[in-house]
C-alpha atoms as a PDB file:
ATOM      1  CA  MET A   1     -75.543 -17.950  97.634  1.00  0.00           C
ATOM      2  CA  ASN A   2     -74.855 -21.520  97.851  1.00  0.00           C
ATOM      3  CA  ALA A   3     -72.132 -23.316  99.741  1.00  0.00           C
ATOM      4  CA  GLN A   4     -69.800 -23.794  96.845  1.00  0.00           C
ATOM      5  CA  THR A   5     -69.897 -20.124  96.085  1.00  0.00           C
ATOM      6  CA  VAL A   6     -69.063 -19.189  99.666  1.00  0.00           C
ATOM      7  CA  GLY A   7     -66.208 -21.730  99.655  1.00  0.00           C
ATOM      8  CA  CYS A   8     -64.738 -20.045  96.711  1.00  0.00           C
ATOM      9  CA  PHE A   9     -64.939 -16.589  98.352  1.00  0.00           C
ATOM     10  CA  VAL A  10     -63.251 -17.919 101.395  1.00  0.00           C
ATOM     11  CA  PHE A  11     -60.542 -19.663  99.460  1.00  0.00           C
ATOM     12  CA  LEU A  12     -59.963 -16.237  97.463  1.00  0.00           C
ATOM     13  CA  ALA A  13     -59.674 -14.356 100.726  1.00  0.00           C
ATOM     14  CA  VAL A  14     -57.026 -16.865 102.144  1.00  0.00           C
ATOM     15  CA  ILE A  15     -55.119 -16.633  98.936  1.00  0.00           C
ATOM     16  CA  LYS A  16     -55.200 -13.025  98.869  1.00  0.00           C
ATOM     17  CA  GLU A  17     -54.035 -12.955 102.660  1.00  0.00           C
ATOM     18  CA  LEU A  18     -51.110 -15.078 101.867  1.00  0.00           C
ATOM     19  CA  SER A  19     -50.083 -13.133  98.857  1.00  0.00           C
ATOM     20  CA  CYS A  20     -50.188  -9.714 100.870  1.00  0.00           C
ATOM     21  CA  SER A  21     -48.089 -11.438 103.660  1.00  0.00           C
ATOM     22  CA  GLN A  22     -45.360 -12.294 101.084  1.00  0.00           C
ATOM     23  CA  GLU A  23     -45.152  -8.612  99.980  1.00  0.00           C
ATOM     24  CA  ASN A  24     -41.702  -7.154 100.893  1.00  0.00           C
ATOM     25  CA  PRO A  25     -42.189  -5.344 104.179  1.00  0.00           C
ATOM     26  CA  PHE A  26     -38.983  -3.302 103.868  1.00  0.00           C
ATOM     27  CA  THR A  27     -38.812   0.119 101.923  1.00  0.00           C
ATOM     28  CA  LEU A  28     -35.657   2.235 101.347  1.00  0.00           C
ATOM     29  CA  ASP A  29     -35.455   5.979 100.838  1.00  0.00           C
ATOM     30  CA  GLY A  30     -35.379   6.137  97.140  1.00  0.00           C
ATOM     31  CA  GLY A  31     -32.262   8.310  96.962  1.00  0.00           C
ATOM     32  CA  PRO A  32     -29.896   8.910  95.131  1.00  0.00           C
ATOM     33  CA  LEU A  33     -27.772  10.022  97.996  1.00  0.00           C
ATOM     34  CA  THR A  34     -24.602  12.092  97.838  1.00  0.00           C
ATOM     35  CA  ALA A  35     -22.081  13.153 100.525  1.00  0.00           C
ATOM     36  CA  PHE A  36     -18.560  14.555 100.909  1.00  0.00           C
ATOM     37  CA  GLU A  37     -15.566  12.456 101.726  1.00  0.00           C
ATOM     38  CA  GLY A  38     -15.109  12.280 105.408  1.00  0.00           C
ATOM     39  CA  SER A  39     -18.750  12.763 106.276  1.00  0.00           C
ATOM     40  CA  CYS A  40     -21.485  10.330 107.195  1.00  0.00           C
ATOM     41  CA  ILE A  41     -24.752   9.257 105.399  1.00  0.00           C
ATOM     42  CA  GLU A  42     -27.812   7.792 106.606  1.00  0.00           C
ATOM     43  CA  ILE A  43     -29.803   5.266 104.598  1.00  0.00           C
ATOM     44  CA  ARG A  44     -33.198   5.410 105.697  1.00  0.00           C
ATOM     45  CA  CYS A  45     -35.322   2.326 105.889  1.00  0.00           C
ATOM     46  CA  TRP A  46     -38.904   1.584 106.934  1.00  0.00           C
ATOM     47  CA  VAL A  47     -40.884  -1.446 108.023  1.00  0.00           C
ATOM     48  CA  THR A  48     -44.222  -1.158 106.348  1.00  0.00           C
ATOM     49  CA  ARG A  49     -45.825  -4.366 107.451  1.00  0.00           C
ATOM     50  CA  TYR A  50     -45.743  -7.178 109.945  1.00  0.00           C
ATOM     51  CA  VAL A  51     -42.913  -9.664 109.484  1.00  0.00           C
ATOM     52  CA  SER A  52     -42.131 -12.707 111.444  1.00  0.00           C
ATOM     53  CA  LEU A  53     -38.574 -12.491 113.113  1.00  0.00           C
ATOM     54  CA  ASP A  54     -38.594 -16.161 114.152  1.00  0.00           C
ATOM     55  CA  ASP A  55     -35.133 -17.720 113.230  1.00  0.00           C
ATOM     56  CA  ALA A  56     -34.631 -14.871 110.893  1.00  0.00           C
ATOM     57  CA  HIS A  57     -31.408 -12.568 110.379  1.00  0.00           C
ATOM     58  CA  TRP A  58     -30.940  -9.690 108.165  1.00  0.00           C
ATOM     59  CA  PHE A  59     -28.015  -7.661 106.713  1.00  0.00           C
ATOM     60  CA  TRP A  60     -27.182  -4.688 104.659  1.00  0.00           C
ATOM     61  CA  ILE A  61     -25.226  -5.312 101.496  1.00  0.00           C
ATOM     62  CA  LYS A  62     -23.349  -3.168  98.927  1.00  0.00           C
ATOM     63  CA  ASP A  63     -23.518  -4.095  95.101  1.00  0.00           C
ATOM     64  CA  ALA A  64     -25.551  -7.262  95.825  1.00  0.00           C
ATOM     65  CA  LYS A  65     -25.696  -9.745  92.815  1.00  0.00           C
ATOM     66  CA  TYR A  66     -27.747 -13.149  93.192  1.00  0.00           C
ATOM     67  CA  SER A  67     -25.394 -16.279  93.099  1.00  0.00           C
ATOM     68  CA  GLU A  68     -27.105 -19.345  91.534  1.00  0.00           C
ATOM     69  CA  SER A  69     -24.661 -21.610  93.302  1.00  0.00           C
ATOM     70  CA  LYS A  70     -25.268 -20.026  96.816  1.00  0.00           C
ATOM     71  CA  ARG A  71     -28.956 -19.513  96.137  1.00  0.00           C
ATOM     72  CA  ASP A  72     -28.661 -16.037  97.691  1.00  0.00           C
ATOM     73  CA  PHE A  73     -27.255 -12.608  97.252  1.00  0.00           C
ATOM     74  CA  VAL A  74     -23.501 -11.913  97.389  1.00  0.00           C
ATOM     75  CA  GLY A  75     -21.750  -8.608  97.805  1.00  0.00           C
ATOM     76  CA  THR A  76     -19.903  -6.581 100.492  1.00  0.00           C
ATOM     77  CA  VAL A  77     -21.801  -7.114 103.802  1.00  0.00           C
ATOM     78  CA  ILE A  78     -21.608  -3.782 105.830  1.00  0.00           C
ATOM     79  CA  ASN A  79     -24.062  -4.578 108.620  1.00  0.00           C
ATOM     80  CA  SER A  80     -25.354  -7.861 109.865  1.00  0.00           C
ATOM     81  CA  THR A  81     -27.563  -9.398 112.810  1.00  0.00           C
ATOM     82  CA  ASN A  82     -25.817 -12.617 112.311  1.00  0.00           C
ATOM     83  CA  THR A  83     -22.130 -12.365 111.686  1.00  0.00           C
ATOM     84  CA  SER A  84     -21.552 -15.996 111.928  1.00  0.00           C
ATOM     85  CA  ILE A  85     -23.864 -16.436 108.803  1.00  0.00           C
ATOM     86  CA  ARG A  86     -22.991 -13.181 107.191  1.00  0.00           C
ATOM     87  CA  PRO A  87     -19.803 -11.796 108.448  1.00  0.00           C
ATOM     88  CA  VAL A  88     -19.200  -8.000 108.049  1.00  0.00           C
ATOM     89  CA  SER A  89     -16.537  -6.746 105.688  1.00  0.00           C
ATOM     90  CA  ALA A  90     -13.474  -5.396 107.940  1.00  0.00           C
ATOM     91  CA  ASP A  91     -13.511  -1.997 105.949  1.00  0.00           C
ATOM     92  CA  TYR A  92     -17.184  -1.458 107.269  1.00  0.00           C
ATOM     93  CA  ALA A  93     -16.974  -3.049 110.751  1.00  0.00           C
ATOM     94  CA  ASP A  94     -16.228   0.311 112.547  1.00  0.00           C
ATOM     95  CA  ARG A  95     -17.925   2.632 110.309  1.00  0.00           C
ATOM     96  CA  VAL A  96     -21.586   1.528 110.072  1.00  0.00           C
ATOM     97  CA  LYS A  97     -24.057   1.827 112.749  1.00  0.00           C
ATOM     98  CA  TYR A  98     -27.609   0.740 113.066  1.00  0.00           C
ATOM     99  CA  THR A  99     -29.853   3.572 113.770  1.00  0.00           C
ATOM    100  CA  GLY A 100     -33.129   1.850 113.251  1.00  0.00           C
ATOM    101  CA  SER A 101     -35.853   0.821 115.707  1.00  0.00           C
ATOM    102  CA  GLN A 102     -35.396  -2.300 118.024  1.00  0.00           C
ATOM    103  CA  SER A 103     -36.646  -5.196 116.098  1.00  0.00           C
ATOM    104  CA  SER A 104     -39.099  -6.048 118.851  1.00  0.00           C
ATOM    105  CA  THR A 105     -40.975  -2.829 117.828  1.00  0.00           C
ATOM    106  CA  TRP A 106     -41.404  -3.655 114.173  1.00  0.00           C
ATOM    107  CA  LYS A 107     -44.997  -4.839 114.528  1.00  0.00           C
ATOM    108  CA  GLU A 108     -46.062  -1.413 116.032  1.00  0.00           C
ATOM    109  CA  PHE A 109     -46.805   0.226 112.919  1.00  0.00           C
ATOM    110  CA  SER A 110     -48.223   3.265 114.377  1.00  0.00           C
ATOM    111  CA  THR A 111     -44.578   4.357 115.249  1.00  0.00           C
ATOM    112  CA  GLN A 112     -43.434   3.827 111.671  1.00  0.00           C
ATOM    113  CA  PRO A 113     -40.462   1.507 112.673  1.00  0.00           C
ATOM    114  CA  LEU A 114     -37.122   2.073 110.968  1.00  0.00           C
ATOM    115  CA  CYS A 115     -34.442  -0.237 109.852  1.00  0.00           C
ATOM    116  CA  SER A 116     -31.931   2.338 108.960  1.00  0.00           C
ATOM    117  CA  ILE A 117     -28.093   2.606 109.146  1.00  0.00           C
ATOM    118  CA  LEU A 118     -25.544   5.277 109.238  1.00  0.00           C
ATOM    119  CA  ILE A 119     -22.012   4.952 107.396  1.00  0.00           C
ATOM    120  CA  CYS A 120     -19.233   7.304 108.570  1.00  0.00           C
ATOM    121  CA  ASN A 121     -15.942   8.422 107.415  1.00  0.00           C
ATOM    122  CA  LEU A 122     -16.990   8.024 103.871  1.00  0.00           C
ATOM    123  CA  SER A 123     -14.586   7.541 100.998  1.00  0.00           C
ATOM    124  CA  LYS A 124     -14.902   7.219  97.125  1.00  0.00           C
ATOM    125  CA  SER A 125     -14.629   3.497  97.845  1.00  0.00           C
ATOM    126  CA  ASP A 126     -18.125   3.542  99.240  1.00  0.00           C
ATOM    127  CA  ASN A 127     -19.675   4.735  95.995  1.00  0.00           C
ATOM    128  CA  GLY A 128     -22.247   1.913  95.003  1.00  0.00           C
ATOM    129  CA  ASN A 129     -25.654   0.453  95.476  1.00  0.00           C
ATOM    130  CA  TYR A 130     -26.939  -0.522  98.816  1.00  0.00           C
ATOM    131  CA  SER A 131     -29.824  -2.702  99.914  1.00  0.00           C
ATOM    132  CA  LEU A 132     -31.345  -4.590 102.981  1.00  0.00           C
ATOM    133  CA  ARG A 133     -31.471  -8.570 102.727  1.00  0.00           C
ATOM    134  CA  PHE A 134     -33.945 -10.298 104.976  1.00  0.00           C
ATOM    135  CA  VAL A 135     -33.714 -14.177 105.598  1.00  0.00           C
ATOM    136  CA  GLY A 136     -36.483 -15.623 107.643  1.00  0.00           C
ATOM    137  CA  LYS A 137     -38.267 -18.975 107.709  1.00  0.00           C
ATOM    138  CA  SER A 138     -39.031 -20.947 104.543  1.00  0.00           C
ATOM    139  CA  SER A 139     -40.003 -18.506 101.744  1.00  0.00           C
ATOM    140  CA  LEU A 140     -39.790 -15.389 103.897  1.00  0.00           C
ATOM    141  CA  LYS A 141     -36.828 -13.739 102.230  1.00  0.00           C
ATOM    142  CA  TRP A 142     -36.635 -10.534 100.811  1.00  0.00           C
ATOM    143  CA  ILE A 143     -34.166  -7.729  99.349  1.00  0.00           C
ATOM    144  CA  THR A 144     -35.133  -4.113  98.886  1.00  0.00           C
ATOM    145  CA  LYS A 145     -35.506  -2.909  95.396  1.00  0.00           C
ATOM    146  CA  PRO A 146     -34.588  -0.582  94.032  1.00  0.00           C
ATOM    147  CA  ASP A 147     -31.364  -0.199  95.567  1.00  0.00           C
ATOM    148  CA  VAL A 148     -30.060   3.251  97.132  1.00  0.00           C
ATOM    149  CA  VAL A 149     -27.354   4.598  95.074  1.00  0.00           C
ATOM    150  CA  LEU A 150     -24.524   6.384  97.050  1.00  0.00           C
ATOM    151  CA  THR A 151     -22.068   8.758  95.465  1.00  0.00           C
ATOM    152  CA  VAL A 152     -19.248  10.223  97.486  1.00  0.00           C
ATOM    153  CA  THR A 153     -17.545  13.349  96.188  1.00  0.00           C
ATOM    154  CA  ASP A 154     -14.262  15.166  97.002  1.00  0.00           C
ATOM    155  CA  ASN A 155     -14.517  17.223 100.196  1.00  0.00           C
ATOM    156  CA  PRO A 156     -13.165  20.675  99.149  1.00  0.00           C
ATOM    157  CA  CYS A 157     -12.427  21.422 102.961  1.00  0.00           C
ATOM    158  CA  PRO A 158     -11.063  18.524 104.619  1.00  0.00           C
ATOM    159  CA  ILE A 159     -10.299  19.387 108.352  1.00  0.00           C
ATOM    160  CA  THR A 160      -7.381  18.459 110.497  1.00  0.00           C
ATOM    161  CA  PHE A 161      -7.785  19.207 114.119  1.00  0.00           C
ATOM    162  CA  LYS A 162      -5.452  17.136 116.226  1.00  0.00           C
ATOM    163  CA  LYS A 163      -5.742  16.415 119.946  1.00  0.00           C
ATOM    164  CA  PRO A 164      -2.945  18.030 121.814  1.00  0.00           C
ATOM    165  CA  PRO A 165      -0.584  16.100 124.165  1.00  0.00           C
ATOM    166  CA  VAL A 166      -1.116  15.651 127.841  1.00  0.00           C
ATOM    167  CA  VAL A 167      -0.361  18.722 129.837  1.00  0.00           C
ATOM    168  CA  ASN A 168      -0.027  19.698 133.447  1.00  0.00           C
ATOM    169  CA  GLU A 169      -2.319  22.308 134.976  1.00  0.00           C
ATOM    170  CA  SER A 170      -1.095  25.889 134.836  1.00  0.00           C
ATOM    171  CA  SER A 171       0.454  25.062 131.493  1.00  0.00           C
ATOM    172  CA  THR A 172      -0.342  26.715 128.267  1.00  0.00           C
ATOM    173  CA  ILE A 173      -1.952  24.603 125.669  1.00  0.00           C
ATOM    174  CA  SER A 174      -2.068  25.240 121.801  1.00  0.00           C
ATOM    175  CA  LEU A 175      -4.710  24.321 119.332  1.00  0.00           C
ATOM    176  CA  SER A 176      -4.391  24.419 115.709  1.00  0.00           C
ATOM    177  CA  CYS A 177      -7.097  23.612 112.987  1.00  0.00           C
ATOM    178  CA  SER A 178      -6.210  23.454 109.236  1.00  0.00           C
ATOM    179  CA  THR A 179      -7.624  22.599 105.933  1.00  0.00           C
ATOM    180  CA  LEU A 180      -6.671  23.036 102.199  1.00  0.00           C
ATOM    181  CA  SER A 181      -5.650  26.411 101.153  1.00  0.00           C
ATOM    182  CA  SER A 182      -8.084  26.035  98.105  1.00  0.00           C
ATOM    183  CA  CYS A 183     -11.039  25.733 100.505  1.00  0.00           C
ATOM    184  CA  PRO A 184     -13.290  28.706  99.833  1.00  0.00           C
ATOM    185  CA  SER A 185     -14.341  29.050 103.501  1.00  0.00           C
ATOM    186  CA  GLY A 186     -12.793  30.277 106.631  1.00  0.00           C
ATOM    187  CA  LEU A 187     -12.238  28.239 109.884  1.00  0.00           C
ATOM    188  CA  LYS A 188     -13.413  28.493 113.391  1.00  0.00           C
ATOM    189  CA  ILE A 189     -12.617  26.857 116.619  1.00  0.00           C
ATOM    190  CA  GLU A 190     -15.413  26.650 119.046  1.00  0.00           C
ATOM    191  CA  GLY A 191     -15.674  25.862 122.873  1.00  0.00           C
ATOM    192  CA  LEU A 192     -12.863  28.290 123.733  1.00  0.00           C
ATOM    193  CA  PRO A 193     -12.543  30.058 127.208  1.00  0.00           C
ATOM    194  CA  GLU A 194     -14.149  33.424 127.014  1.00  0.00           C
ATOM    195  CA  GLY A 195     -11.797  36.064 125.974  1.00  0.00           C
ATOM    196  CA  THR A 196      -9.395  33.739 124.140  1.00  0.00           C
ATOM    197  CA  ILE A 197      -8.211  35.187 120.942  1.00  0.00           C
ATOM    198  CA  THR A 198      -7.899  33.108 117.820  1.00  0.00           C
ATOM    199  CA  SER A 199      -5.275  33.884 115.195  1.00  0.00           C
ATOM    200  CA  ALA A 200      -6.203  35.268 111.770  1.00  0.00           C
ATOM    201  CA  LEU A 201      -6.251  32.649 109.109  1.00  0.00           C
ATOM    202  CA  GLN A 202      -2.763  31.914 107.695  1.00  0.00           C
ATOM    203  CA  THR A 203      -1.703  30.138 104.562  1.00  0.00           C
ATOM    204  CA  GLU A 204       1.400  27.961 104.262  1.00  0.00           C
ATOM    205  CA  GLY A 205       1.832  26.195 101.023  1.00  0.00           C
ATOM    206  CA  ASN A 206      -1.413  24.088 100.298  1.00  0.00           C
ATOM    207  CA  GLN A 207      -2.640  24.472 103.750  1.00  0.00           C
ATOM    208  CA  LYS A 208      -4.261  27.365 105.759  1.00  0.00           C
ATOM    209  CA  HIS A 209      -5.052  27.217 109.459  1.00  0.00           C
ATOM    210  CA  VAL A 210      -6.232  29.185 112.699  1.00  0.00           C
ATOM    211  CA  SER A 211      -4.602  28.665 115.928  1.00  0.00           C
ATOM    212  CA  THR A 212      -4.866  29.841 119.548  1.00  0.00           C
ATOM    213  CA  SER A 213      -3.188  29.252 123.106  1.00  0.00           C
ATOM    214  CA  PHE A 214      -4.497  29.635 126.570  1.00  0.00           C
ATOM    215  CA  SER A 215      -3.715  28.461 130.107  1.00  0.00           C
ATOM    216  CA  VAL A 216      -5.439  25.471 131.545  1.00  0.00           C
ATOM    217  CA  ASN A 217      -6.183  24.246 135.064  1.00  0.00           C
ATOM    218  CA  TRP A 218      -7.557  20.789 136.400  1.00  0.00           C
ATOM    219  CA  LYS A 219     -11.147  21.903 135.606  1.00  0.00           C
ATOM    220  CA  ASP A 220     -10.351  21.874 131.816  1.00  0.00           C
ATOM    221  CA  ASP A 221      -9.684  18.099 131.948  1.00  0.00           C
ATOM    222  CA  GLY A 222     -11.864  16.361 129.415  1.00  0.00           C
ATOM    223  CA  LYS A 223     -12.997  19.747 128.000  1.00  0.00           C
ATOM    224  CA  ALA A 224     -14.236  19.521 124.486  1.00  0.00           C
ATOM    225  CA  PHE A 225     -13.449  21.813 121.332  1.00  0.00           C
ATOM    226  CA  SER A 226     -14.454  21.642 117.863  1.00  0.00           C
ATOM    227  CA  CYS A 227     -13.474  22.895 114.525  1.00  0.00           C
ATOM    228  CA  GLN A 228     -15.442  23.539 111.405  1.00  0.00           C
ATOM    229  CA  THR A 229     -15.446  25.840 108.283  1.00  0.00           C
ATOM    230  CA  THR A 230     -17.402  29.097 108.983  1.00  0.00           C
ATOM    231  CA  ASP A 231     -20.260  28.114 106.649  1.00  0.00           C
ATOM    232  CA  ASN A 232     -20.726  24.403 107.345  1.00  0.00           C
ATOM    233  CA  THR A 233     -24.082  22.888 107.746  1.00  0.00           C
ATOM    234  CA  ASP A 234     -23.012  19.248 108.143  1.00  0.00           C
ATOM    235  CA  ILE A 235     -22.631  17.983 111.676  1.00  0.00           C
ATOM    236  CA  TYR A 236     -20.526  15.161 110.443  1.00  0.00           C
ATOM    237  CA  LEU A 237     -17.894  17.339 109.096  1.00  0.00           C
ATOM    238  CA  ILE A 238     -17.247  18.926 112.384  1.00  0.00           C
ATOM    239  CA  ARG A 239     -14.010  17.758 114.015  1.00  0.00           C
ATOM    240  CA  ASN A 240     -13.870  17.382 117.889  1.00  0.00           C
ATOM    241  CA  ILE A 241     -11.291  17.072 120.371  1.00  0.00           C
ATOM    242  CA  SER A 242     -10.722  16.903 124.141  1.00  0.00           C
ATOM    243  CA  LEU A 243      -8.097  17.882 126.550  1.00  0.00           C
ATOM    244  CA  THR A 244      -6.204  15.809 129.024  1.00  0.00           C
ATOM    245  CA  VAL A 245      -5.030  17.886 131.980  1.00  0.00           C
ATOM    246  CA  GLU A 246      -3.005  16.136 134.910  1.00  0.00           C
ATOM    247  CA  SER A 247      -2.463  17.591 138.354  1.00  0.00           C
ATOM    248  CA  PRO A 248       1.257  17.516 139.426  1.00  0.00           C
ATOM    249  CA  PRO A 249       2.199  14.944 141.930  1.00  0.00           C
END
């Protein structure tokens, strides 16, 4: 094999390596995803190969479209690592949480690093296509394809479980949990003191509810209670409250 042939192989190997390094390192769970209003949904994202984070930023975007004038994708930004460059929409600022791995671990592929997010308190306005956009040095720019399609549907059993007012110890406190009368499931309040009796399910107009009352003391301050339908399997549809019990002066 002559030197020219060897040189060609080396050149091809370098080109192949450069080509591979430019492949999109981010992969999304294909979906489509569905969730009830009021619940949460996690959009799963994996980092599949090494990516340089030098001078890089990345953001999650809803309904992205490429803008020739901006030379980048535009849409509703719901999560961002650099809010001065890509500010987050006010509608998502308090509802989206990054649940992925620390970016410093993205090169440790034995642990399958994640770049996922969790969107909570969902509404039908969240219906749309979601993607991750990464902007690094020079040509290191990617957007995940295909998008993840999210569809939010009516919740047949939206729960209302209000935190009671502040009470003094030795007082009696009342808890009430309600949902639509059309909800096909019952309701249950959990975390109650042993022996506490909950009322039978009662219907009033378009609402139905269960309620209970019990005495409290200073040990009950901060105690948590939850309410959900009797057949619920979605942890994000559980409603939680806590008590505030004050000692008399």
